[in-house]
C-alpha cells in the first residue's frame, strides 16, 4: 500500500507535519501512528 508523501503530509507553520484525513481503516491507524511520532 503506497503512501504518497506529497498527498498525505502537509507542513504546518509550527514545523510539524499534519496528516490529512485521507486514511481509512488500517491506513488510518498508520496515519495516526506517524502523526504521533512526528509530534
PDB file of N, CA and C in Angstrom:
ATOM      1  N   UNK A   1       0.830  -1.188   0.000  1.00  0.00           N
ATOM      2  CA  UNK A   1       0.000   0.000   0.000  1.00  0.00           C
ATOM      3  C   UNK A   1       0.876   1.253   0.000  1.00  0.00           C
ATOM      4  N   UNK A   2       0.941   1.883  -1.140  1.00  0.00           N
ATOM      5  CA  UNK A   2       1.824   3.047  -1.318  1.00  0.00           C
ATOM      6  C   UNK A   2       1.306   4.269  -0.570  1.00  0.00           C
ATOM      7  N   UNK A   3       2.211   5.045  -0.030  1.00  0.00           N
ATOM      8  CA  UNK A   3       1.827   6.287   0.640  1.00  0.00           C
ATOM      9  C   UNK A   3       2.555   7.440  -0.044  1.00  0.00           C
ATOM     10  N   UNK A   4       1.769   8.345  -0.625  1.00  0.00           N
ATOM     11  CA  UNK A   4       2.370   9.468  -1.342  1.00  0.00           C
ATOM     12  C   UNK A   4       2.540  10.633  -0.373  1.00  0.00           C
ATOM     13  N   UNK A   5       3.791  10.961  -0.096  1.00  0.00           N
ATOM     14  CA  UNK A   5       4.075  11.981   0.901  1.00  0.00           C
ATOM     15  C   UNK A   5       3.497  13.328   0.510  1.00  0.00           C
ATOM     16  N   UNK A   6       3.562  13.662  -0.779  1.00  0.00           N
ATOM     17  CA  UNK A   6       3.083  14.975  -1.213  1.00  0.00           C
ATOM     18  C   UNK A   6       1.574  15.089  -1.072  1.00  0.00           C
ATOM     19  N   UNK A   7       0.887  13.953  -0.961  1.00  0.00           N
ATOM     20  CA  UNK A   7      -0.568  13.966  -0.858  1.00  0.00           C
ATOM     21  C   UNK A   7      -1.027  13.704   0.572  1.00  0.00           C
ATOM     22  N   UNK A   8      -0.207  13.021   1.346  1.00  0.00           N
ATOM     23  CA  UNK A   8      -0.632  12.614   2.681  1.00  0.00           C
ATOM     24  C   UNK A   8      -0.048  13.506   3.775  1.00  0.00           C
ATOM     25  N   UNK A   9       1.037  14.223   3.473  1.00  0.00           N
ATOM     26  CA  UNK A   9       1.691  15.024   4.501  1.00  0.00           C
ATOM     27  C   UNK A   9       1.746  16.490   4.078  1.00  0.00           C
ATOM     28  N   UNK A  10       1.373  17.368   5.000  1.00  0.00           N
ATOM     29  CA  UNK A  10       1.443  18.799   4.722  1.00  0.00           C
ATOM     30  C   UNK A  10       2.177  19.489   5.868  1.00  0.00           C
ATOM     31  N   UNK A  11       3.179  20.290   5.556  1.00  0.00           N
ATOM     32  CA  UNK A  11       3.914  21.022   6.597  1.00  0.00           C
ATOM     33  C   UNK A  11       3.039  22.108   7.209  1.00  0.00           C
ATOM     34  N   UNK A  12       3.202  22.332   8.495  1.00  0.00           N
ATOM     35  CA  UNK A  12       2.425  23.367   9.167  1.00  0.00           C
ATOM     36  C   UNK A  12       3.348  24.481   9.625  1.00  0.00           C
ATOM     37  N   UNK A  13       2.786  25.575  10.053  1.00  0.00           N
ATOM     38  CA  UNK A  13       3.572  26.751  10.416  1.00  0.00           C
ATOM     39  C   UNK A  13       4.480  26.485  11.606  1.00  0.00           C
ATOM     40  N   UNK A  14       4.132  25.502  12.431  1.00  0.00           N
ATOM     41  CA  UNK A  14       4.944  25.226  13.614  1.00  0.00           C
ATOM     42  C   UNK A  14       6.069  24.248  13.304  1.00  0.00           C
ATOM     43  N   UNK A  15       6.169  23.831  12.043  1.00  0.00           N
ATOM     44  CA  UNK A  15       7.261  22.957  11.654  1.00  0.00           C
ATOM     45  C   UNK A  15       6.912  21.490  11.737  1.00  0.00           C
ATOM     46  N   UNK A  16       5.793  21.172  12.388  1.00  0.00           N
ATOM     47  CA  UNK A  16       5.387  19.777  12.482  1.00  0.00           C
ATOM     48  C   UNK A  16       4.630  19.366  11.231  1.00  0.00           C
ATOM     49  N   UNK A  17       4.320  18.103  11.152  1.00  0.00           N
ATOM     50  CA  UNK A  17       3.583  17.612   9.997  1.00  0.00           C
ATOM     51  C   UNK A  17       2.145  17.337  10.384  1.00  0.00           C
ATOM     52  N   UNK A  18       1.267  17.487   9.420  1.00  0.00           N
ATOM     53  CA  UNK A  18      -0.153  17.250   9.673  1.00  0.00           C
ATOM     54  C   UNK A  18      -0.648  16.193   8.706  1.00  0.00           C
ATOM     55  N   UNK A  19      -1.358  15.216   9.231  1.00  0.00           N
ATOM     56  CA  UNK A  19      -1.863  14.140   8.389  1.00  0.00           C
ATOM     57  C   UNK A  19      -3.256  14.494   7.903  1.00  0.00           C
ATOM     58  N   UNK A  20      -3.407  14.554   6.597  1.00  0.00           N
ATOM     59  CA  UNK A  20      -4.730  14.821   6.036  1.00  0.00           C
ATOM     60  C   UNK A  20      -5.653  13.650   6.347  1.00  0.00           C
ATOM     61  N   UNK A  21      -6.923  13.925   6.514  1.00  0.00           N
ATOM     62  CA  UNK A  21      -7.886  12.876   6.834  1.00  0.00           C
ATOM     63  C   UNK A  21      -8.262  12.117   5.567  1.00  0.00           C
ATOM     64  N   UNK A  22      -7.262  11.453   4.975  1.00  0.00           N
ATOM     65  CA  UNK A  22      -7.497  10.695   3.752  1.00  0.00           C
ATOM     66  C   UNK A  22      -7.373   9.209   4.016  1.00  0.00           C
ATOM     67  N   UNK A  23      -7.029   8.873   5.277  1.00  0.00           N
ATOM     68  CA  UNK A  23      -6.848   7.477   5.629  1.00  0.00           C
ATOM     69  C   UNK A  23      -8.169   6.871   6.072  1.00  0.00           C
ATOM     70  N   UNK A  24      -8.265   5.563   5.936  1.00  0.00           N
ATOM     71  CA  UNK A  24      -9.458   4.863   6.405  1.00  0.00           C
ATOM     72  C   UNK A  24      -9.070   3.440   6.752  1.00  0.00           C
ATOM     73  N   UNK A  25      -9.707   2.881   7.786  1.00  0.00           N
ATOM     74  CA  UNK A  25      -9.400   1.514   8.187  1.00  0.00           C
ATOM     75  C   UNK A  25      -7.964   1.407   8.680  1.00  0.00           C
ATOM     76  N   UNK A  26      -7.224   0.435   8.172  1.00  0.00           N
ATOM     77  CA  UNK A  26      -5.851   0.197   8.598  1.00  0.00           C
ATOM     78  C   UNK A  26      -4.950   1.380   8.273  1.00  0.00           C
ATOM     79  N   UNK A  27      -5.185   2.015   7.142  1.00  0.00           N
ATOM     80  CA  UNK A  27      -4.357   3.152   6.750  1.00  0.00           C
ATOM     81  C   UNK A  27      -4.511   4.284   7.758  1.00  0.00           C
ATOM     82  N   UNK A  28      -5.712   4.418   8.323  1.00  0.00           N
ATOM     83  CA  UNK A  28      -5.942   5.463   9.311  1.00  0.00           C
ATOM     84  C   UNK A  28      -5.111   5.208  10.560  1.00  0.00           C
ATOM     85  N   UNK A  29      -4.968   3.950  10.933  1.00  0.00           N
ATOM     86  CA  UNK A  29      -4.149   3.593  12.095  1.00  0.00           C
ATOM     87  C   UNK A  29      -2.701   3.991  11.852  1.00  0.00           C
ATOM     88  N   UNK A  30      -2.189   3.685  10.677  1.00  0.00           N
ATOM     89  CA  UNK A  30      -0.812   4.030  10.337  1.00  0.00           C
ATOM     90  C   UNK A  30      -0.633   5.541  10.338  1.00  0.00           C
ATOM     91  N   UNK A  31      -1.614   6.248   9.804  1.00  0.00           N
ATOM     92  CA  UNK A  31      -1.550   7.707   9.766  1.00  0.00           C
ATOM     93  C   UNK A  31      -1.482   8.294  11.166  1.00  0.00           C
ATOM     94  N   UNK A  32      -2.273   7.739  12.090  1.00  0.00           N
ATOM     95  CA  UNK A  32      -2.274   8.249  13.454  1.00  0.00           C
ATOM     96  C   UNK A  32      -0.943   7.983  14.133  1.00  0.00           C
ATOM     97  N   UNK A  33      -0.363   6.811  13.891  1.00  0.00           N
ATOM     98  CA  UNK A  33       0.923   6.471  14.496  1.00  0.00           C
ATOM     99  C   UNK A  33       2.000   7.417  13.988  1.00  0.00           C
ATOM    100  N   UNK A  34       2.016   7.671  12.688  1.00  0.00           N
ATOM    101  CA  UNK A  34       3.033   8.554  12.117  1.00  0.00           C
ATOM    102  C   UNK A  34       2.857   9.976  12.626  1.00  0.00           C
ATOM    103  N   UNK A  35       1.608  10.394  12.785  1.00  0.00           N
ATOM    104  CA  UNK A  35       1.362  11.747  13.287  1.00  0.00           C
ATOM    105  C   UNK A  35       1.850  11.868  14.725  1.00  0.00           C
ATOM    106  N   UNK A  36       1.642  10.798  15.516  1.00  0.00           N
ATOM    107  CA  UNK A  36       2.077  10.816  16.906  1.00  0.00           C
ATOM    108  C   UNK A  36       3.603  10.854  16.992  1.00  0.00           C
ATOM    109  N   UNK A  37       4.263  10.099  16.117  1.00  0.00           N
ATOM    110  CA  UNK A  37       5.721  10.062  16.123  1.00  0.00           C
ATOM    111  C   UNK A  37       6.298  11.401  15.686  1.00  0.00           C
ATOM    112  N   UNK A  38       5.589  12.114  14.824  1.00  0.00           N
ATOM    113  CA  UNK A  38       6.083  13.386  14.312  1.00  0.00           C
ATOM    114  C   UNK A  38       5.828  14.525  15.286  1.00  0.00           C
ATOM    115  N   UNK A  39       4.901  14.332  16.211  1.00  0.00           N
ATOM    116  CA  UNK A  39       4.529  15.402  17.139  1.00  0.00           C
ATOM    117  C   UNK A  39       5.683  15.720  18.093  1.00  0.00           C
TER     118      UNK A  39
END
